Amino acid sequence: MHLFRPLVAVACLWLAGCAHNVAYRVQPASATPCQETDQRDCRAAIRHPLRSGPDGAYITYVEFDDQGALHDRARTRQALDLLRERTRQRATLLVLFAHGWKHNAEVGDENVRDFQALLVKLRANLAAYEAEHQIPPERRRQVEGVYLGWRGLSTKWEPGKELTFWRRKATAHRIGTDGAIEIISELSALRSQPAANGGRHALVIAGHSFGGALVYNATEHLLMRELVEAQQCVPAAGAGEPQLKIAPFSNTRVESAEGVALQEDACKPVPASVADMVILVNPAFENTRYDPLEARSRQIPFARGQMPILAVFMSEKDKATRYAFPAGRFFSTLTNNYADQGQRKRDLVALGHLKEKWTHTLDVPDRTRQLLGIQSLMGMKTLGQIADAIRPNYPGWDDFICGNANTWSLDGVELKRYADSTPAPDPHSPYMVVRVKGKLVNGHSKIWGEAFNGFVENLVTARFAGGSEMSCQGGRPMRVPQ
């Protein structure tokens, strides 16, 4: 009895510290949704507009329980129907985000706040681009965000949080295998429908940490199917053979080594891909999960002008995936059998921490390298001459995609192709594994910094603002009309 009482007390304290397996967004959606203001934050609304005007961004919350089932199917269905109705009217940039470990959809969660801010910024970026290029108002895009919530935070106390590693990882994979596929498939189908204003929708799917594992679990088979189907129309690789270009939600494009498009009937249509772009930031899943897609993609070269489809960003300063993840995997893989030590290492280490997987690096270059010497500056007569001399002459996105430059830089952040791994990655592959310098993402959860966030916003805007396909005939980038 004396021993029983302390155990009961400990159990009560443990349960009190648990984050319960419940939905946080329980207010049903309506045609006149909660309007977020400085005085009202729509605490329980499953869907609401953000502070960006009537044509701005909306956010919808989709929450799953630990079994991968929707917490309330009817309420979620109602919210998604309103999202669908809004997208029928105007071309829409759809952004789905799956949060990671130690987070959920609760009001005040940092990931909720940061994702809302990202949606507002994306809308502002698109608006600026559309205004600069004089796109008629009736053809401009709106933004819809979907926050995919799950019980990434299952206990509120330490060291209990750290001990949830194995259960939360398994839960993320289960949700990705079960419930998330339904929502992603629905958004993909919605993405392929034309808008009333004649524009085309775009879909970005993003995940962080175990949310990255969730997203990859839900999309890897669709990404593989797209690649396998596309390859069927390409002869065996060889000198002068055609190169493959995957254009999501359209026919596969195959080009010769000179960049000349072959006859359209040379390829059958490829099933609509899962999304225009999948972005994983500090994903917490092992390299062996990525091995099949990478191996298949290396079988033939991709054409110049291929747009990215999957982008994995891993911070070199991410201690959680660099150290804690292998430690957790060590115990769960003790009884596994491997073909060799290389396979064992790939199964222990998180994707993005092995050099042989890197395709790009992301860094803030040393600006002093771009400045002229004092003597050169002193010899100039006007401020205009000085400004022209020190302004970085960065290559543009189109030149980067067409392979005319190996670096794309904007707002002081530099994406550079990585050529030191063996074998060297295909420079035009749509599957990117990017090593991110600590100056941009200084830790596992510090993914919302201004510089890195700004780069992601620029990447998404550049990727979609001018169309989904790029022709690089004669070395000159040309957008394919939409």
Protein backbone atom coordinates (compact mmCIF):
# COMPACT_ATOMS: atom_id res chain seq x y z
CA MET A 1 0.00 0.00 0.00
CA HIS A 2 2.84 2.35 0.86
CA LEU A 3 4.37 1.67 -2.56
CA PHE A 4 1.04 1.94 -4.37
CA ARG A 5 0.33 5.54 -3.32
CA PRO A 6 3.54 7.04 -4.80
CA LEU A 7 2.92 5.16 -8.02
CA VAL A 8 -0.61 6.57 -8.23
CA ALA A 9 0.74 10.06 -7.58
CA VAL A 10 3.35 9.70 -10.31
CA ALA A 11 0.72 8.37 -12.73
CA CYS A 12 -1.58 11.33 -11.99
CA LEU A 13 1.23 13.82 -12.55
CA TRP A 14 2.17 12.08 -15.80
CA LEU A 15 -1.42 12.17 -17.08
CA ALA A 16 -1.74 15.81 -16.09
CA GLY A 17 1.26 16.57 -18.26
CA CYS A 18 -0.09 14.75 -21.31
CA ALA A 19 -1.34 16.60 -24.36
CA HIS A 20 -4.64 14.87 -24.99
CA ASN A 21 -5.58 13.21 -28.24
CA VAL A 22 -8.26 15.78 -29.14
CA ALA A 23 -8.98 18.37 -31.85
CA TYR A 24 -8.20 22.01 -31.10
CA ARG A 25 -10.19 23.57 -33.95
CA VAL A 26 -13.80 22.74 -33.19
CA GLN A 27 -15.73 25.79 -34.40
CA PRO A 28 -17.44 24.71 -37.68
CA ALA A 29 -16.68 26.56 -40.89
CA SER A 30 -19.32 28.80 -42.42
CA ALA A 31 -19.83 30.97 -45.48
CA THR A 32 -19.21 33.98 -43.20
CA PRO A 33 -16.10 32.78 -41.38
CA CYS A 34 -14.44 34.21 -38.32
CA GLN A 35 -12.63 37.42 -39.27
CA GLU A 36 -9.24 37.61 -37.59
CA THR A 37 -8.41 41.06 -36.20
CA ASP A 38 -6.08 42.48 -33.58
CA GLN A 39 -8.81 41.86 -30.99
CA ARG A 40 -10.00 38.47 -32.25
CA ASP A 41 -7.79 35.54 -33.14
CA CYS A 42 -10.39 32.95 -34.18
CA ARG A 43 -9.23 30.62 -31.41
CA ALA A 44 -11.34 27.60 -32.27
CA ALA A 45 -12.19 28.23 -35.93
CA ILE A 46 -11.44 25.36 -38.29
CA ARG A 47 -11.18 27.84 -41.16
CA HIS A 48 -10.69 31.61 -41.25
CA PRO A 49 -9.15 34.39 -43.34
CA LEU A 50 -5.86 35.96 -42.33
CA ARG A 51 -5.13 39.65 -42.03
CA SER A 52 -4.44 40.27 -45.71
CA GLY A 53 -7.61 41.71 -47.23
CA PRO A 54 -10.59 40.07 -48.93
CA ASP A 55 -8.47 38.56 -51.71
CA GLY A 56 -5.73 37.44 -49.40
CA ALA A 57 -4.92 34.21 -47.61
CA TYR A 58 -7.18 31.76 -45.78
CA ILE A 59 -6.17 28.93 -43.49
CA THR A 60 -7.95 25.62 -42.89
CA TYR A 61 -7.01 23.20 -40.09
CA VAL A 62 -7.19 19.44 -40.69
CA GLU A 63 -6.54 17.41 -37.52
CA PHE A 64 -5.81 13.69 -37.13
CA ASP A 65 -5.84 11.41 -34.12
CA ASP A 66 -3.08 8.93 -33.29
CA GLN A 67 -4.67 6.26 -35.50
CA GLY A 68 -4.50 8.45 -38.60
CA ALA A 69 -8.25 9.17 -38.59
CA LEU A 70 -9.81 12.62 -38.89
CA HIS A 71 -11.02 13.92 -35.55
CA ASP A 72 -14.30 15.09 -37.09
CA ARG A 73 -14.92 14.08 -40.69
CA ALA A 74 -18.11 16.12 -41.12
CA ARG A 75 -16.54 19.31 -39.80
CA THR A 76 -13.43 18.82 -41.95
CA ARG A 77 -15.55 18.06 -45.01
CA GLN A 78 -17.48 21.29 -44.53
CA ALA A 79 -14.27 23.34 -44.30
CA LEU A 80 -12.73 21.71 -47.39
CA ASP A 81 -15.93 22.27 -49.36
CA LEU A 82 -15.66 26.00 -48.64
CA LEU A 83 -12.01 25.91 -49.71
CA ARG A 84 -13.00 24.16 -52.94
CA GLU A 85 -15.77 26.70 -53.62
CA ARG A 86 -13.34 29.59 -53.26
CA THR A 87 -10.80 28.01 -55.62
CA ARG A 88 -13.46 27.59 -58.32
CA GLN A 89 -13.52 31.34 -58.77
CA ARG A 90 -9.83 32.24 -58.99
CA ALA A 91 -6.48 30.60 -59.55
CA THR A 92 -5.08 29.63 -56.16
CA LEU A 93 -1.72 28.85 -54.61
CA LEU A 94 -2.49 25.97 -52.22
CA VAL A 95 0.03 25.37 -49.44
CA LEU A 96 -0.22 22.39 -47.07
CA PHE A 97 2.06 22.26 -44.02
CA ALA A 98 2.53 19.31 -41.65
CA HIS A 99 4.17 20.29 -38.37
CA GLY A 100 6.68 18.16 -36.55
CA TRP A 101 7.51 16.72 -33.15
CA LYS A 102 6.38 18.61 -30.02
CA HIS A 103 3.75 20.68 -31.89
CA ASN A 104 0.03 20.51 -32.64
CA ALA A 105 -2.81 22.74 -33.93
CA GLU A 106 -3.41 24.47 -30.60
CA VAL A 107 -3.89 28.24 -30.55
CA GLY A 108 -0.56 29.81 -29.64
CA ASP A 109 1.56 26.99 -31.06
CA GLU A 110 4.60 28.59 -32.70
CA ASN A 111 4.18 26.58 -35.90
CA VAL A 112 0.58 27.80 -36.25
CA ARG A 113 1.63 31.43 -35.92
CA ASP A 114 4.60 31.07 -38.24
CA PHE A 115 2.64 29.25 -40.93
CA GLN A 116 -0.02 31.96 -40.86
CA ALA A 117 2.71 34.58 -41.32
CA LEU A 118 4.20 32.59 -44.22
CA LEU A 119 0.84 32.53 -46.02
CA VAL A 120 0.44 36.29 -45.69
CA LYS A 121 3.96 36.85 -47.03
CA LEU A 122 3.39 34.50 -49.97
CA ARG A 123 0.27 36.43 -50.88
CA ALA A 124 2.21 39.70 -50.68
CA ASN A 125 5.01 38.28 -52.86
CA LEU A 126 2.57 37.10 -55.50
CA ALA A 127 0.74 40.42 -55.43
CA ALA A 128 4.00 42.32 -55.96
CA TYR A 129 4.98 40.05 -58.86
CA GLU A 130 1.55 40.33 -60.47
CA ALA A 131 1.50 44.11 -60.14
CA GLU A 132 5.02 44.44 -61.57
CA HIS A 133 4.12 42.27 -64.57
CA GLN A 134 0.75 44.00 -65.02
CA ILE A 135 -1.27 40.82 -64.67
CA PRO A 136 -4.97 41.76 -64.81
CA PRO A 137 -6.71 41.66 -61.41
CA GLU A 138 -9.15 39.02 -62.59
CA ARG A 139 -6.21 36.68 -63.40
CA ARG A 140 -4.36 37.08 -60.14
CA ARG A 141 -3.87 34.28 -57.62
CA GLN A 142 -5.21 33.95 -54.11
CA VAL A 143 -3.60 31.87 -51.35
CA GLU A 144 -5.12 28.98 -49.38
CA GLY A 145 -3.22 27.28 -46.56
CA VAL A 146 -3.98 23.90 -45.01
CA TYR A 147 -2.42 23.23 -41.59
CA LEU A 148 -2.21 19.48 -41.03
CA GLY A 149 -2.35 18.97 -37.28
CA TRP A 150 -1.57 15.84 -35.27
CA ARG A 151 -0.40 15.02 -31.74
CA GLY A 152 3.28 15.75 -32.28
CA LEU A 153 3.28 17.03 -28.69
CA SER A 154 2.02 14.13 -26.58
CA THR A 155 3.39 15.25 -23.20
CA LYS A 156 4.22 18.69 -21.86
CA TRP A 157 6.99 17.81 -19.42
CA GLU A 158 10.66 16.94 -19.72
CA PRO A 159 12.21 14.44 -19.89
CA GLY A 160 8.93 12.94 -21.01
CA LYS A 161 9.02 14.90 -24.27
CA GLU A 162 12.29 13.31 -25.32
CA LEU A 163 11.06 9.81 -24.46
CA THR A 164 8.19 10.14 -26.94
CA PHE A 165 10.59 9.90 -29.92
CA TRP A 166 9.68 6.35 -30.97
CA ARG A 167 5.91 6.67 -30.50
CA ARG A 168 5.68 10.05 -32.23
CA LYS A 169 7.80 8.86 -35.16
CA ALA A 170 5.57 5.80 -35.58
CA THR A 171 2.45 7.99 -35.33
CA ALA A 172 3.73 10.39 -37.99
CA HIS A 173 4.41 7.51 -40.38
CA ARG A 174 0.99 6.03 -39.70
CA ILE A 175 -0.83 9.31 -40.38
CA GLY A 176 1.18 9.71 -43.59
CA THR A 177 0.29 6.19 -44.69
CA ASP A 178 -3.40 6.50 -43.78
CA GLY A 179 -5.25 9.78 -43.28
CA ALA A 180 -2.90 12.30 -44.88
CA ILE A 181 -3.03 10.54 -48.25
CA GLU A 182 -6.76 11.29 -48.46
CA ILE A 183 -6.32 15.02 -47.85
CA ILE A 184 -3.31 15.34 -50.14
CA SER A 185 -5.10 13.41 -52.89
CA GLU A 186 -8.09 15.72 -52.57
CA LEU A 187 -5.92 18.82 -52.85
CA SER A 188 -4.12 17.26 -55.83
CA ALA A 189 -7.45 16.64 -57.57
CA LEU A 190 -8.57 20.17 -56.78
CA ARG A 191 -5.24 21.45 -58.12
CA SER A 192 -5.92 19.91 -61.52
CA GLN A 193 -9.28 21.65 -61.97
CA PRO A 194 -9.39 24.93 -63.94
CA ALA A 195 -10.46 28.13 -62.19
CA ALA A 196 -13.29 30.32 -63.48
CA ASN A 197 -10.83 33.12 -64.28
CA GLY A 198 -8.84 30.82 -66.57
CA GLY A 199 -5.79 30.54 -64.35
CA ARG A 200 -4.17 27.34 -63.11
CA HIS A 201 -3.87 26.35 -59.49
CA ALA A 202 -0.56 25.46 -57.85
CA LEU A 203 0.01 23.11 -54.92
CA VAL A 204 2.95 23.12 -52.50
CA ILE A 205 3.18 20.44 -49.80
CA ALA A 206 5.62 21.06 -46.94
CA GLY A 207 6.59 19.25 -43.76
CA HIS A 208 9.03 19.74 -40.89
CA SER A 209 10.74 17.13 -38.68
CA PHE A 210 8.39 14.16 -38.18
CA GLY A 211 5.94 16.18 -40.28
CA GLY A 212 8.48 15.79 -43.07
CA ALA A 213 8.39 12.03 -42.52
CA LEU A 214 4.59 12.19 -42.58
CA VAL A 215 4.57 14.08 -45.90
CA TYR A 216 7.15 11.81 -47.50
CA ASN A 217 5.20 8.74 -46.38
CA ALA A 218 2.10 10.14 -48.04
CA THR A 219 3.78 11.18 -51.30
CA GLU A 220 6.71 8.86 -52.03
CA HIS A 221 4.67 6.25 -53.91
CA LEU A 222 3.05 8.96 -56.04
CA LEU A 223 6.43 10.54 -56.80
CA MET A 224 7.80 7.11 -57.76
CA ARG A 225 4.81 6.32 -59.97
CA GLU A 226 5.20 9.63 -61.77
CA LEU A 227 8.89 8.95 -62.43
CA VAL A 228 8.37 5.35 -63.55
CA GLU A 229 5.48 6.28 -65.88
CA ALA A 230 7.48 9.14 -67.37
CA GLN A 231 10.48 6.91 -68.08
CA GLN A 232 8.44 4.50 -70.17
CA CYS A 233 8.62 6.80 -73.18
CA VAL A 234 12.38 7.36 -72.98
CA PRO A 235 14.80 4.97 -74.75
CA ALA A 236 17.76 3.56 -72.86
CA ALA A 237 20.11 6.36 -71.92
CA GLY A 238 23.06 6.91 -74.18
CA ALA A 239 24.92 9.51 -76.22
CA GLY A 240 22.48 11.72 -78.04
CA GLU A 241 19.44 10.00 -76.52
CA PRO A 242 16.45 12.06 -75.42
CA GLN A 243 16.35 13.45 -71.92
CA LEU A 244 13.38 13.37 -69.57
CA LYS A 245 11.42 16.34 -68.32
CA ILE A 246 8.52 15.91 -65.92
CA ALA A 247 5.95 18.68 -66.04
CA PRO A 248 3.41 18.12 -63.25
CA PHE A 249 -0.22 17.91 -64.34
CA SER A 250 0.61 17.81 -68.04
CA ASN A 251 2.08 15.42 -70.58
CA THR A 252 5.63 14.35 -70.00
CA ARG A 253 8.02 16.39 -72.11
CA VAL A 254 11.01 14.66 -73.63
CA GLU A 255 13.77 16.72 -75.19
CA SER A 256 16.88 15.87 -77.14
CA ALA A 257 20.30 16.73 -75.80
CA GLU A 258 20.07 19.95 -77.82
CA GLY A 259 16.89 20.96 -76.03
CA VAL A 260 14.54 20.43 -78.96
CA ALA A 261 11.17 19.00 -77.99
CA LEU A 262 10.23 15.71 -79.65
CA GLN A 263 6.80 14.93 -81.02
CA GLU A 264 4.13 14.98 -78.34
CA ASP A 265 2.84 11.57 -79.36
CA ALA A 266 6.22 10.08 -78.44
CA CYS A 267 5.02 9.98 -74.83
CA LYS A 268 1.76 9.00 -73.28
CA PRO A 269 0.26 11.36 -70.70
CA VAL A 270 1.67 10.94 -67.21
CA PRO A 271 -0.86 10.76 -64.36
CA ALA A 272 -1.19 14.01 -62.45
CA SER A 273 1.62 14.28 -59.96
CA VAL A 274 0.97 14.68 -56.27
CA ALA A 275 1.94 18.36 -56.23
CA ASP A 276 3.87 21.02 -58.09
CA MET A 277 6.44 20.94 -55.33
CA VAL A 278 7.11 19.04 -52.10
CA ILE A 279 9.33 20.81 -49.53
CA LEU A 280 10.77 19.00 -46.50
CA VAL A 281 12.69 20.98 -43.87
CA ASN A 282 14.91 19.12 -41.37
CA PRO A 283 12.95 15.92 -42.06
CA ALA A 284 13.25 13.18 -39.44
CA PHE A 285 13.36 10.01 -41.50
CA GLU A 286 16.15 7.72 -42.58
CA ASN A 287 18.07 7.78 -45.88
CA THR A 288 16.94 4.27 -46.78
CA ARG A 289 13.42 5.60 -47.28
CA TYR A 290 14.76 7.92 -50.00
CA ASP A 291 17.11 5.38 -51.65
CA PRO A 292 14.60 3.92 -54.19
CA LEU A 293 13.49 7.31 -55.57
CA GLU A 294 17.08 8.54 -55.80
CA ALA A 295 18.29 5.33 -57.49
CA ARG A 296 15.50 5.46 -60.05
CA SER A 297 16.06 9.13 -60.81
CA ARG A 298 19.76 8.51 -61.51
CA GLN A 299 19.03 6.03 -64.30
CA ILE A 300 18.57 8.68 -66.99
CA PRO A 301 19.47 12.37 -67.25
CA PHE A 302 16.85 15.08 -66.94
CA ALA A 303 16.43 17.83 -69.49
CA ARG A 304 17.55 21.40 -69.00
CA GLY A 305 14.64 23.46 -67.77
CA GLN A 306 13.29 20.77 -65.45
CA MET A 307 11.53 22.44 -62.52
CA PRO A 308 12.15 21.10 -58.99
CA ILE A 309 9.54 18.67 -57.65
CA LEU A 310 11.01 17.57 -54.30
CA ALA A 311 13.30 19.85 -52.24
CA VAL A 312 14.79 18.60 -48.96
CA PHE A 313 16.48 21.22 -46.77
CA MET A 314 18.63 19.95 -43.89
CA SER A 315 20.51 22.29 -41.56
CA GLU A 316 24.06 21.34 -40.69
CA LYS A 317 23.27 22.68 -37.19
CA ASP A 318 20.28 20.41 -36.64
CA LYS A 319 21.45 18.48 -33.57
CA ALA A 320 18.13 16.66 -33.16
CA THR A 321 18.40 14.84 -36.49
CA ARG A 322 22.21 14.69 -36.48
CA TYR A 323 22.62 13.14 -33.00
CA ALA A 324 19.30 12.28 -31.32
CA PHE A 325 17.79 10.68 -34.43
CA PRO A 326 20.62 8.12 -34.95
CA ALA A 327 20.55 7.34 -31.22
CA GLY A 328 16.85 6.64 -31.39
CA ARG A 329 17.23 4.58 -34.54
CA PHE A 330 20.08 2.57 -33.00
CA PHE A 331 17.80 0.92 -30.46
CA SER A 332 14.92 0.34 -32.88
CA THR A 333 17.19 -1.29 -35.50
CA LEU A 334 19.29 -3.55 -33.27
CA THR A 335 17.79 -6.73 -34.74
CA ASN A 336 17.80 -5.54 -38.37
CA ASN A 337 19.90 -7.31 -41.00
CA TYR A 338 21.70 -5.22 -43.63
CA ALA A 339 23.36 -5.98 -46.94
CA ASP A 340 26.44 -3.97 -45.93
CA GLN A 341 27.62 -1.25 -43.53
CA GLY A 342 26.67 1.46 -46.00
CA GLN A 343 23.04 0.39 -45.89
CA ARG A 344 23.14 0.22 -42.10
CA LYS A 345 24.52 3.76 -41.91
CA ARG A 346 21.84 5.08 -44.27
CA ASP A 347 19.19 3.45 -42.08
CA LEU A 348 20.52 5.13 -38.94
CA VAL A 349 21.16 8.63 -40.32
CA ALA A 350 18.45 11.16 -41.20
CA LEU A 351 18.15 12.24 -44.83
CA GLY A 352 20.29 15.31 -45.45
CA HIS A 353 23.22 14.42 -43.21
CA LEU A 354 25.09 12.20 -45.68
CA LYS A 355 27.40 13.92 -48.13
CA GLU A 356 26.68 11.48 -50.96
CA LYS A 357 23.03 12.57 -51.00
CA TRP A 358 23.66 16.31 -51.32
CA THR A 359 22.72 17.99 -54.59
CA HIS A 360 22.84 21.65 -53.49
CA THR A 361 24.04 23.94 -50.72
CA LEU A 362 22.25 26.98 -49.31
CA ASP A 363 24.36 29.70 -47.76
CA VAL A 364 24.75 33.40 -47.11
CA PRO A 365 27.89 34.27 -49.10
CA ASP A 366 30.58 36.52 -47.72
CA ARG A 367 29.58 39.92 -49.07
CA THR A 368 33.13 41.21 -48.68
CA ARG A 369 34.07 39.08 -51.68
CA GLN A 370 31.72 41.18 -53.78
CA LEU A 371 33.16 44.54 -52.76
CA LEU A 372 35.89 46.25 -54.69
CA GLY A 373 39.07 47.42 -53.05
CA ILE A 374 39.24 50.85 -51.47
CA GLN A 375 41.44 52.17 -54.27
CA SER A 376 38.94 51.16 -56.93
CA LEU A 377 36.10 52.82 -55.08
CA MET A 378 38.12 56.01 -54.52
CA GLY A 379 38.69 56.25 -58.27
CA MET A 380 34.96 56.51 -58.98
CA LYS A 381 33.32 59.88 -59.21
CA THR A 382 29.64 59.23 -58.50
CA LEU A 383 27.60 57.30 -55.99
CA GLY A 384 25.89 55.61 -58.92
CA GLN A 385 29.18 54.19 -60.15
CA ILE A 386 29.98 52.88 -56.67
CA ALA A 387 26.56 51.26 -56.34
CA ASP A 388 26.92 49.59 -59.73
CA ALA A 389 30.34 48.28 -58.77
CA ILE A 390 29.30 46.62 -55.51
CA ARG A 391 25.87 45.36 -56.59
CA PRO A 392 26.06 41.55 -56.92
CA ASN A 393 25.57 40.36 -60.46
CA TYR A 394 23.46 37.32 -59.55
CA PRO A 395 22.13 34.97 -62.23
CA GLY A 396 18.36 34.74 -62.43
CA TRP A 397 16.07 31.80 -61.70
CA ASP A 398 15.51 31.04 -65.38
CA ASP A 399 19.24 30.85 -66.08
CA PHE A 400 19.71 28.61 -63.03
CA ILE A 401 16.98 26.21 -64.15
CA CYS A 402 18.33 26.11 -67.70
CA GLY A 403 21.83 25.32 -66.46
CA ASN A 404 23.42 28.54 -67.69
CA ALA A 405 24.51 29.21 -64.09
CA ASN A 406 25.20 26.94 -61.13
CA THR A 407 24.13 29.52 -58.56
CA TRP A 408 20.87 31.32 -57.90
CA SER A 409 21.02 34.16 -55.40
CA LEU A 410 18.36 36.52 -54.17
CA ASP A 411 18.22 38.80 -51.13
CA GLY A 412 21.68 37.66 -50.08
CA VAL A 413 20.89 33.93 -49.94
CA GLU A 414 22.69 31.63 -52.40
CA LEU A 415 21.50 28.27 -53.71
CA LYS A 416 24.40 26.45 -55.36
CA ARG A 417 24.66 23.10 -57.11
CA TYR A 418 26.87 20.65 -55.22
CA ALA A 419 29.36 18.78 -57.37
CA ASP A 420 31.67 17.12 -54.83
CA SER A 421 29.69 13.95 -54.12
CA THR A 422 30.41 10.67 -55.92
CA PRO A 423 28.75 9.95 -58.23
CA ALA A 424 27.93 13.55 -59.08
CA PRO A 425 24.19 14.29 -59.02
CA ASP A 426 22.33 15.17 -62.19
CA PRO A 427 22.38 19.00 -62.19
CA HIS A 428 18.84 19.07 -63.63
CA SER A 429 17.26 16.45 -61.40
CA PRO A 430 13.97 17.63 -59.87
CA TYR A 431 14.87 15.89 -56.59
CA MET A 432 17.03 18.16 -54.46
CA VAL A 433 18.76 17.42 -51.13
CA VAL A 434 20.10 20.75 -49.90
CA ARG A 435 22.66 21.21 -47.15
CA VAL A 436 21.71 24.43 -45.32
CA LYS A 437 24.38 26.43 -43.52
CA GLY A 438 23.83 27.18 -39.85
CA LYS A 439 23.72 30.90 -40.52
CA LEU A 440 20.33 30.32 -42.13
CA VAL A 441 18.83 27.57 -39.95
CA ASN A 442 20.65 27.34 -36.62
CA GLY A 443 18.92 24.29 -35.17
CA HIS A 444 16.17 21.75 -35.68
CA SER A 445 13.15 23.96 -35.03
CA LYS A 446 14.56 27.36 -36.02
CA ILE A 447 13.17 27.13 -39.54
CA TRP A 448 11.18 30.36 -39.53
CA GLY A 449 14.09 32.80 -39.54
CA GLU A 450 13.74 35.78 -41.83
CA ALA A 451 16.54 34.80 -44.23
CA PHE A 452 15.53 31.16 -44.73
CA ASN A 453 11.83 31.95 -44.72
CA GLY A 454 12.47 34.66 -47.28
CA PHE A 455 14.33 32.20 -49.49
CA VAL A 456 11.46 29.70 -49.36
CA GLU A 457 9.02 32.47 -50.24
CA ASN A 458 11.23 33.51 -53.17
CA LEU A 459 11.63 29.90 -54.30
CA VAL A 460 7.88 29.30 -54.32
CA THR A 461 7.21 32.62 -56.05
CA ALA A 462 9.90 32.01 -58.69
CA ARG A 463 8.72 28.45 -59.19
CA PHE A 464 5.11 29.39 -59.91
CA ALA A 465 4.87 33.05 -60.89
CA GLY A 466 5.98 32.56 -64.47
CA GLY A 467 4.47 29.16 -65.24
CA SER A 468 5.26 25.52 -64.57
CA GLU A 469 7.46 24.74 -67.56
CA MET A 470 10.64 26.16 -69.00
CA SER A 471 12.03 25.78 -72.51
CA CYS A 472 15.80 26.15 -72.84
CA GLN A 473 16.18 25.95 -76.60
CA GLY A 474 19.45 27.39 -77.82
CA GLY A 475 20.57 28.06 -74.27
CA ARG A 476 17.99 30.82 -73.81
CA PRO A 477 15.34 30.32 -71.13
CA MET A 478 11.81 30.74 -72.41
CA ARG A 479 8.62 30.24 -70.43
CA VAL A 480 6.12 27.81 -71.90
CA PRO A 481 2.74 29.59 -72.19
CA GLN A 482 0.13 28.41 -69.68
